[in-house]
Amino acid sequence: MKIETRYQHFELNEDMTSQIINRVRFALNRFGGETGHLQVHFPDTNGPEGGLDKHCSLPVKVTSLGKIMANGEDVDFRSALK
């Protein structure tokens, strides 16, 4: 499974990117080889203003289930990923 991260209007350090990839890999591990290339999208809708504007969007194609879309929203990206 190849996991790619996409950010909009901000940068995350290597440690945070690694945490994101590990979290996604752990969550999808039960599907084994049924998932391929994944892109985790993190748009920040209102920039430095703060609030519940951190989004996480994860479209996943699982061979046995079809396409699944997971979304999260919170005050920081780590929480939005959960």
PDB file of N, CA and C in Angstrom:
ATOM      1  N   MET A   1       0.850  -1.173   0.000  1.00  0.00           N
ATOM      2  CA  MET A   1       0.000   0.000   0.000  1.00  0.00           C
ATOM      3  C   MET A   1       0.895   1.234   0.000  1.00  0.00           C
ATOM      4  N   LYS A   2       0.696   2.093  -0.979  1.00  0.00           N
ATOM      5  CA  LYS A   2       1.447   3.344  -1.051  1.00  0.00           C
ATOM      6  C   LYS A   2       0.540   4.467  -0.568  1.00  0.00           C
ATOM      7  N   ILE A   3       1.033   5.251   0.394  1.00  0.00           N
ATOM      8  CA  ILE A   3       0.251   6.340   0.971  1.00  0.00           C
ATOM      9  C   ILE A   3       0.946   7.662   0.666  1.00  0.00           C
ATOM     10  N   GLU A   4       0.191   8.577   0.100  1.00  0.00           N
ATOM     11  CA  GLU A   4       0.696   9.896  -0.258  1.00  0.00           C
ATOM     12  C   GLU A   4      -0.112  10.939   0.505  1.00  0.00           C
ATOM     13  N   THR A   5       0.546  11.989   0.978  1.00  0.00           N
ATOM     14  CA  THR A   5      -0.158  13.055   1.689  1.00  0.00           C
ATOM     15  C   THR A   5      -0.188  14.309   0.828  1.00  0.00           C
ATOM     16  N   ARG A   6      -1.318  15.011   0.860  1.00  0.00           N
ATOM     17  CA  ARG A   6      -1.501  16.256   0.112  1.00  0.00           C
ATOM     18  C   ARG A   6      -1.970  17.336   1.086  1.00  0.00           C
ATOM     19  N   TYR A   7      -1.264  18.468   1.110  1.00  0.00           N
ATOM     20  CA  TYR A   7      -1.588  19.557   2.018  1.00  0.00           C
ATOM     21  C   TYR A   7      -1.926  20.806   1.221  1.00  0.00           C
ATOM     22  N   GLN A   8      -2.754  21.653   1.821  1.00  0.00           N
ATOM     23  CA  GLN A   8      -3.151  22.891   1.158  1.00  0.00           C
ATOM     24  C   GLN A   8      -3.050  24.031   2.161  1.00  0.00           C
ATOM     25  N   HIS A   9      -2.310  25.069   1.842  1.00  0.00           N
ATOM     26  CA  HIS A   9      -2.163  26.285   2.646  1.00  0.00           C
ATOM     27  C   HIS A   9      -1.304  26.116   3.898  1.00  0.00           C
ATOM     28  N   PHE A  10      -0.463  25.079   3.980  1.00  0.00           N
ATOM     29  CA  PHE A  10       0.394  24.891   5.143  1.00  0.00           C
ATOM     30  C   PHE A  10       1.424  23.814   4.832  1.00  0.00           C
ATOM     31  N   GLU A  11       2.366  23.634   5.726  1.00  0.00           N
ATOM     32  CA  GLU A  11       3.381  22.587   5.613  1.00  0.00           C
ATOM     33  C   GLU A  11       3.395  21.790   6.914  1.00  0.00           C
ATOM     34  N   LEU A  12       3.620  20.489   6.820  1.00  0.00           N
ATOM     35  CA  LEU A  12       3.806  19.650   7.998  1.00  0.00           C
ATOM     36  C   LEU A  12       5.231  19.111   7.984  1.00  0.00           C
ATOM     37  N   ASN A  13       5.801  18.964   9.178  1.00  0.00           N
ATOM     38  CA  ASN A  13       7.164  18.454   9.239  1.00  0.00           C
ATOM     39  C   ASN A  13       7.188  16.948   8.970  1.00  0.00           C
ATOM     40  N   GLU A  14       8.390  16.414   8.826  1.00  0.00           N
ATOM     41  CA  GLU A  14       8.568  15.002   8.488  1.00  0.00           C
ATOM     42  C   GLU A  14       8.001  14.079   9.566  1.00  0.00           C
ATOM     43  N   ASP A  15       8.130  14.463  10.832  1.00  0.00           N
ATOM     44  CA  ASP A  15       7.611  13.650  11.931  1.00  0.00           C
ATOM     45  C   ASP A  15       6.085  13.531  11.860  1.00  0.00           C
ATOM     46  N   MET A  16       5.412  14.641  11.611  1.00  0.00           N
ATOM     47  CA  MET A  16       3.947  14.627  11.516  1.00  0.00           C
ATOM     48  C   MET A  16       3.491  13.820  10.301  1.00  0.00           C
ATOM     49  N   THR A  17       4.175  13.978   9.187  1.00  0.00           N
ATOM     50  CA  THR A  17       3.842  13.204   7.991  1.00  0.00           C
ATOM     51  C   THR A  17       4.007  11.712   8.261  1.00  0.00           C
ATOM     52  N   SER A  18       5.061  11.345   8.952  1.00  0.00           N
ATOM     53  CA  SER A  18       5.294   9.946   9.307  1.00  0.00           C
ATOM     54  C   SER A  18       4.183   9.410  10.215  1.00  0.00           C
ATOM     55  N   GLN A  19       3.749  10.224  11.176  1.00  0.00           N
ATOM     56  CA  GLN A  19       2.650   9.824  12.067  1.00  0.00           C
ATOM     57  C   GLN A  19       1.364   9.602  11.281  1.00  0.00           C
ATOM     58  N   ILE A  20       1.088  10.462  10.320  1.00  0.00           N
ATOM     59  CA  ILE A  20      -0.112  10.344   9.489  1.00  0.00           C
ATOM     60  C   ILE A  20      -0.072   9.041   8.694  1.00  0.00           C
ATOM     61  N   ILE A  21       1.054   8.780   8.048  1.00  0.00           N
ATOM     62  CA  ILE A  21       1.186   7.563   7.242  1.00  0.00           C
ATOM     63  C   ILE A  21       1.055   6.318   8.110  1.00  0.00           C
ATOM     64  N   ASN A  22       1.684   6.317   9.278  1.00  0.00           N
ATOM     65  CA  ASN A  22       1.574   5.166  10.187  1.00  0.00           C
ATOM     66  C   ASN A  22       0.144   4.956  10.664  1.00  0.00           C
ATOM     67  N   ARG A  23      -0.568   6.026  10.961  1.00  0.00           N
ATOM     68  CA  ARG A  23      -1.964   5.925  11.427  1.00  0.00           C
ATOM     69  C   ARG A  23      -2.860   5.346  10.331  1.00  0.00           C
ATOM     70  N   VAL A  24      -2.710   5.831   9.112  1.00  0.00           N
ATOM     71  CA  VAL A  24      -3.515   5.338   7.992  1.00  0.00           C
ATOM     72  C   VAL A  24      -3.170   3.874   7.710  1.00  0.00           C
ATOM     73  N   ARG A  25      -1.895   3.542   7.705  1.00  0.00           N
ATOM     74  CA  ARG A  25      -1.461   2.164   7.462  1.00  0.00           C
ATOM     75  C   ARG A  25      -2.052   1.220   8.527  1.00  0.00           C
ATOM     76  N   PHE A  26      -2.024   1.638   9.791  1.00  0.00           N
ATOM     77  CA  PHE A  26      -2.578   0.831  10.875  1.00  0.00           C
ATOM     78  C   PHE A  26      -4.087   0.628  10.691  1.00  0.00           C
ATOM     79  N   ALA A  27      -4.799   1.698  10.338  1.00  0.00           N
ATOM     80  CA  ALA A  27      -6.253   1.617  10.186  1.00  0.00           C
ATOM     81  C   ALA A  27      -6.667   0.731   9.017  1.00  0.00           C
ATOM     82  N   LEU A  28      -5.872   0.709   7.953  1.00  0.00           N
ATOM     83  CA  LEU A  28      -6.248  -0.039   6.751  1.00  0.00           C
ATOM     84  C   LEU A  28      -5.531  -1.376   6.619  1.00  0.00           C
ATOM     85  N   ASN A  29      -4.709  -1.713   7.573  1.00  0.00           N
ATOM     86  CA  ASN A  29      -3.929  -2.948   7.528  1.00  0.00           C
ATOM     87  C   ASN A  29      -4.808  -4.194   7.393  1.00  0.00           C
ATOM     88  N   ARG A  30      -5.982  -4.184   7.981  1.00  0.00           N
ATOM     89  CA  ARG A  30      -6.862  -5.359   7.953  1.00  0.00           C
ATOM     90  C   ARG A  30      -7.336  -5.711   6.540  1.00  0.00           C
ATOM     91  N   PHE A  31      -7.228  -4.764   5.603  1.00  0.00           N
ATOM     92  CA  PHE A  31      -7.630  -5.040   4.232  1.00  0.00           C
ATOM     93  C   PHE A  31      -6.506  -5.663   3.407  1.00  0.00           C
ATOM     94  N   GLY A  32      -5.328  -5.773   3.997  1.00  0.00           N
ATOM     95  CA  GLY A  32      -4.208  -6.414   3.330  1.00  0.00           C
ATOM     96  C   GLY A  32      -3.912  -5.833   1.966  1.00  0.00           C
ATOM     97  N   GLY A  33      -3.836  -6.680   0.972  1.00  0.00           N
ATOM     98  CA  GLY A  33      -3.502  -6.254  -0.379  1.00  0.00           C
ATOM     99  C   GLY A  33      -4.673  -5.721  -1.179  1.00  0.00           C
ATOM    100  N   GLU A  34      -5.815  -5.481  -0.522  1.00  0.00           N
ATOM    101  CA  GLU A  34      -6.999  -5.003  -1.242  1.00  0.00           C
ATOM    102  C   GLU A  34      -6.984  -3.500  -1.507  1.00  0.00           C
ATOM    103  N   THR A  35      -6.023  -2.796  -0.949  1.00  0.00           N
ATOM    104  CA  THR A  35      -5.918  -1.356  -1.194  1.00  0.00           C
ATOM    105  C   THR A  35      -4.631  -1.092  -1.957  1.00  0.00           C
ATOM    106  N   GLY A  36      -4.630  -0.078  -2.755  1.00  0.00           N
ATOM    107  CA  GLY A  36      -3.447   0.258  -3.545  1.00  0.00           C
ATOM    108  C   GLY A  36      -2.908   1.605  -3.144  1.00  0.00           C
ATOM    109  N   HIS A  37      -2.837   2.516  -4.087  1.00  0.00           N
ATOM    110  CA  HIS A  37      -2.323   3.869  -3.881  1.00  0.00           C
ATOM    111  C   HIS A  37      -3.386   4.720  -3.176  1.00  0.00           C
ATOM    112  N   LEU A  38      -3.022   5.352  -2.070  1.00  0.00           N
ATOM    113  CA  LEU A  38      -3.946   6.204  -1.315  1.00  0.00           C
ATOM    114  C   LEU A  38      -3.404   7.618  -1.250  1.00  0.00           C
ATOM    115  N   GLN A  39      -4.305   8.591  -1.274  1.00  0.00           N
ATOM    116  CA  GLN A  39      -3.937   9.980  -1.050  1.00  0.00           C
ATOM    117  C   GLN A  39      -4.748  10.506   0.124  1.00  0.00           C
ATOM    118  N   VAL A  40      -4.050  11.004   1.138  1.00  0.00           N
ATOM    119  CA  VAL A  40      -4.699  11.629   2.285  1.00  0.00           C
ATOM    120  C   VAL A  40      -4.648  13.134   2.043  1.00  0.00           C
ATOM    121  N   HIS A  41      -5.806  13.779   2.000  1.00  0.00           N
ATOM    122  CA  HIS A  41      -5.902  15.211   1.701  1.00  0.00           C
ATOM    123  C   HIS A  41      -6.159  15.993   2.981  1.00  0.00           C
ATOM    124  N   PHE A  42      -5.401  17.070   3.175  1.00  0.00           N
ATOM    125  CA  PHE A  42      -5.550  17.940   4.339  1.00  0.00           C
ATOM    126  C   PHE A  42      -5.699  19.393   3.910  1.00  0.00           C
ATOM    127  N   PRO A  43      -6.898  19.833   3.576  1.00  0.00           N
ATOM    128  CA  PRO A  43      -7.082  21.255   3.288  1.00  0.00           C
ATOM    129  C   PRO A  43      -7.321  22.051   4.579  1.00  0.00           C
ATOM    130  N   ASP A  44      -6.765  23.247   4.664  1.00  0.00           N
ATOM    131  CA  ASP A  44      -7.011  24.169   5.776  1.00  0.00           C
ATOM    132  C   ASP A  44      -7.911  25.264   5.209  1.00  0.00           C
ATOM    133  N   THR A  45      -9.192  25.224   5.552  1.00  0.00           N
ATOM    134  CA  THR A  45     -10.175  26.051   4.860  1.00  0.00           C
ATOM    135  C   THR A  45     -10.092  27.544   5.138  1.00  0.00           C
ATOM    136  N   ASN A  46      -9.651  27.945   6.330  1.00  0.00           N
ATOM    137  CA  ASN A  46      -9.576  29.394   6.554  1.00  0.00           C
ATOM    138  C   ASN A  46      -8.219  29.838   7.083  1.00  0.00           C
ATOM    139  N   GLY A  47      -7.181  29.102   6.749  1.00  0.00           N
ATOM    140  CA  GLY A  47      -5.809  29.506   7.063  1.00  0.00           C
ATOM    141  C   GLY A  47      -5.541  29.721   8.532  1.00  0.00           C
ATOM    142  N   PRO A  48      -4.876  30.821   8.895  1.00  0.00           N
ATOM    143  CA  PRO A  48      -4.434  31.038  10.273  1.00  0.00           C
ATOM    144  C   PRO A  48      -5.528  31.510  11.235  1.00  0.00           C
ATOM    145  N   GLU A  49      -6.764  31.574  10.807  1.00  0.00           N
ATOM    146  CA  GLU A  49      -7.831  32.081  11.678  1.00  0.00           C
ATOM    147  C   GLU A  49      -8.161  31.132  12.827  1.00  0.00           C
ATOM    148  N   GLY A  50      -7.862  29.840  12.699  1.00  0.00           N
ATOM    149  CA  GLY A  50      -8.135  28.878  13.766  1.00  0.00           C
ATOM    150  C   GLY A  50      -9.541  28.316  13.697  1.00  0.00           C
ATOM    151  N   GLY A  51      -9.908  27.553  14.715  1.00  0.00           N
ATOM    152  CA  GLY A  51     -11.237  26.951  14.770  1.00  0.00           C
ATOM    153  C   GLY A  51     -11.272  25.594  14.104  1.00  0.00           C
ATOM    154  N   LEU A  52     -12.475  25.073  13.918  1.00  0.00           N
ATOM    155  CA  LEU A  52     -12.666  23.756  13.303  1.00  0.00           C
ATOM    156  C   LEU A  52     -12.526  23.861  11.785  1.00  0.00           C
ATOM    157  N   ASP A  53     -11.314  24.098  11.339  1.00  0.00           N
ATOM    158  CA  ASP A  53     -11.096  24.268   9.905  1.00  0.00           C
ATOM    159  C   ASP A  53     -10.091  23.278   9.339  1.00  0.00           C
ATOM    160  N   LYS A  54      -9.616  22.361  10.145  1.00  0.00           N
ATOM    161  CA  LYS A  54      -8.656  21.371   9.679  1.00  0.00           C
ATOM    162  C   LYS A  54      -9.415  20.131   9.244  1.00  0.00           C
ATOM    163  N   HIS A  55      -9.287  19.778   7.980  1.00  0.00           N
ATOM    164  CA  HIS A  55     -10.024  18.656   7.407  1.00  0.00           C
ATOM    165  C   HIS A  55      -9.067  17.540   7.015  1.00  0.00           C
ATOM    166  N   CYS A  56      -9.578  16.334   7.044  1.00  0.00           N
ATOM    167  CA  CYS A  56      -8.863  15.173   6.542  1.00  0.00           C
ATOM    168  C   CYS A  56      -9.826  14.409   5.649  1.00  0.00           C
ATOM    169  N   SER A  57      -9.416  14.137   4.441  1.00  0.00           N
ATOM    170  CA  SER A  57     -10.241  13.411   3.490  1.00  0.00           C
ATOM    171  C   SER A  57      -9.425  12.238   2.960  1.00  0.00           C
ATOM    172  N   LEU A  58      -9.997  11.039   3.030  1.00  0.00           N
ATOM    173  CA  LEU A  58      -9.278   9.835   2.616  1.00  0.00           C
ATOM    174  C   LEU A  58     -10.165   8.944   1.763  1.00  0.00           C
ATOM    175  N   PRO A  59     -10.080   9.093   0.448  1.00  0.00           N
ATOM    176  CA  PRO A  59     -10.808   8.169  -0.424  1.00  0.00           C
ATOM    177  C   PRO A  59     -10.009   6.871  -0.552  1.00  0.00           C
ATOM    178  N   VAL A  60     -10.675   5.742  -0.368  1.00  0.00           N
ATOM    179  CA  VAL A  60     -10.012   4.440  -0.413  1.00  0.00           C
ATOM    180  C   VAL A  60     -10.804   3.501  -1.312  1.00  0.00           C
ATOM    181  N   LYS A  61     -10.113   2.820  -2.198  1.00  0.00           N
ATOM    182  CA  LYS A  61     -10.759   1.796  -3.014  1.00  0.00           C
ATOM    183  C   LYS A  61     -10.315   0.441  -2.473  1.00  0.00           C
ATOM    184  N   VAL A  62     -11.280  -0.305  -1.943  1.00  0.00           N
ATOM    185  CA  VAL A  62     -11.027  -1.640  -1.404  1.00  0.00           C
ATOM    186  C   VAL A  62     -11.653  -2.628  -2.377  1.00  0.00           C
ATOM    187  N   THR A  63     -10.878  -3.576  -2.848  1.00  0.00           N
ATOM    188  CA  THR A  63     -11.327  -4.508  -3.881  1.00  0.00           C
ATOM    189  C   THR A  63     -12.662  -5.154  -3.542  1.00  0.00           C
ATOM    190  N   SER A  64     -12.816  -5.658  -2.320  1.00  0.00           N
ATOM    191  CA  SER A  64     -14.039  -6.391  -1.958  1.00  0.00           C
ATOM    192  C   SER A  64     -15.212  -5.482  -1.593  1.00  0.00           C
ATOM    193  N   LEU A  65     -14.957  -4.201  -1.318  1.00  0.00           N
ATOM    194  CA  LEU A  65     -16.020  -3.298  -0.854  1.00  0.00           C
ATOM    195  C   LEU A  65     -16.340  -2.168  -1.823  1.00  0.00           C
ATOM    196  N   GLY A  66     -15.441  -1.837  -2.702  1.00  0.00           N
ATOM    197  CA  GLY A  66     -15.629  -0.688  -3.581  1.00  0.00           C
ATOM    198  C   GLY A  66     -14.954   0.539  -2.997  1.00  0.00           C
ATOM    199  N   LYS A  67     -15.445   1.718  -3.369  1.00  0.00           N
ATOM    200  CA  LYS A  67     -14.844   2.975  -2.921  1.00  0.00           C
ATOM    201  C   LYS A  67     -15.455   3.419  -1.595  1.00  0.00           C
ATOM    202  N   ILE A  68     -14.586   3.790  -0.670  1.00  0.00           N
ATOM    203  CA  ILE A  68     -14.993   4.265   0.653  1.00  0.00           C
ATOM    204  C   ILE A  68     -14.387   5.654   0.836  1.00  0.00           C
ATOM    205  N   MET A  69     -15.137   6.578   1.446  1.00  0.00           N
ATOM    206  CA  MET A  69     -14.620   7.914   1.721  1.00  0.00           C
ATOM    207  C   MET A  69     -14.691   8.165   3.220  1.00  0.00           C
ATOM    208  N   ALA A  70     -13.552   8.465   3.823  1.00  0.00           N
ATOM    209  CA  ALA A  70     -13.504   8.821   5.237  1.00  0.00           C
ATOM    210  C   ALA A  70     -13.164  10.304   5.333  1.00  0.00           C
ATOM    211  N   ASN A  71     -13.857  11.029   6.204  1.00  0.00           N
ATOM    212  CA  ASN A  71     -13.623  12.460   6.401  1.00  0.00           C
ATOM    213  C   ASN A  71     -13.561  12.765   7.889  1.00  0.00           C
ATOM    214  N   GLY A  72     -12.768  13.755   8.248  1.00  0.00           N
ATOM    215  CA  GLY A  72     -12.698  14.217   9.624  1.00  0.00           C
ATOM    216  C   GLY A  72     -12.488  15.714   9.647  1.00  0.00           C
ATOM    217  N   GLU A  73     -12.875  16.352  10.740  1.00  0.00           N
ATOM    218  CA  GLU A  73     -12.711  17.801  10.885  1.00  0.00           C
ATOM    219  C   GLU A  73     -12.460  18.099  12.359  1.00  0.00           C
ATOM    220  N   ASP A  74     -11.469  18.949  12.633  1.00  0.00           N
ATOM    221  CA  ASP A  74     -11.160  19.294  14.014  1.00  0.00           C
ATOM    222  C   ASP A  74     -10.276  20.532  14.037  1.00  0.00           C
ATOM    223  N   VAL A  75      -9.771  20.896  15.217  1.00  0.00           N
ATOM    224  CA  VAL A  75      -8.940  22.089  15.366  1.00  0.00           C
ATOM    225  C   VAL A  75      -7.488  21.840  14.964  1.00  0.00           C
ATOM    226  N   ASP A  76      -7.037  20.586  14.916  1.00  0.00           N
ATOM    227  CA  ASP A  76      -5.703  20.277  14.421  1.00  0.00           C
ATOM    228  C   ASP A  76      -5.754  19.032  13.547  1.00  0.00           C
ATOM    229  N   PHE A  77      -4.720  18.829  12.755  1.00  0.00           N
ATOM    230  CA  PHE A  77      -4.731  17.758  11.772  1.00  0.00           C
ATOM    231  C   PHE A  77      -4.656  16.379  12.394  1.00  0.00           C
ATOM    232  N   ARG A  78      -3.937  16.271  13.487  1.00  0.00           N
ATOM    233  CA  ARG A  78      -3.849  14.967  14.166  1.00  0.00           C
ATOM    234  C   ARG A  78      -5.232  14.519  14.624  1.00  0.00           C
ATOM    235  N   SER A  79      -6.015  15.418  15.184  1.00  0.00           N
ATOM    236  CA  SER A  79      -7.380  15.080  15.633  1.00  0.00           C
ATOM    237  C   SER A  79      -8.309  14.834  14.455  1.00  0.00           C
ATOM    238  N   ALA A  80      -8.132  15.576  13.382  1.00  0.00           N
ATOM    239  CA  ALA A  80      -8.991  15.395  12.198  1.00  0.00           C
ATOM    240  C   ALA A  80      -8.769  14.034  11.549  1.00  0.00           C
ATOM    241  N   LEU A  81      -7.576  13.482  11.689  1.00  0.00           N
ATOM    242  CA  LEU A  81      -7.265  12.178  11.119  1.00  0.00           C
ATOM    243  C   LEU A  81      -7.953  11.034  11.838  1.00  0.00           C
ATOM    244  N   LYS A  82      -8.263  11.203  13.096  1.00  0.00           N
ATOM    245  CA  LYS A  82      -8.882  10.132  13.870  1.00  0.00           C
ATOM    246  C   LYS A  82     -10.243   9.891  13.339  1.00  0.00           C
TER     247      LYS A  82
END
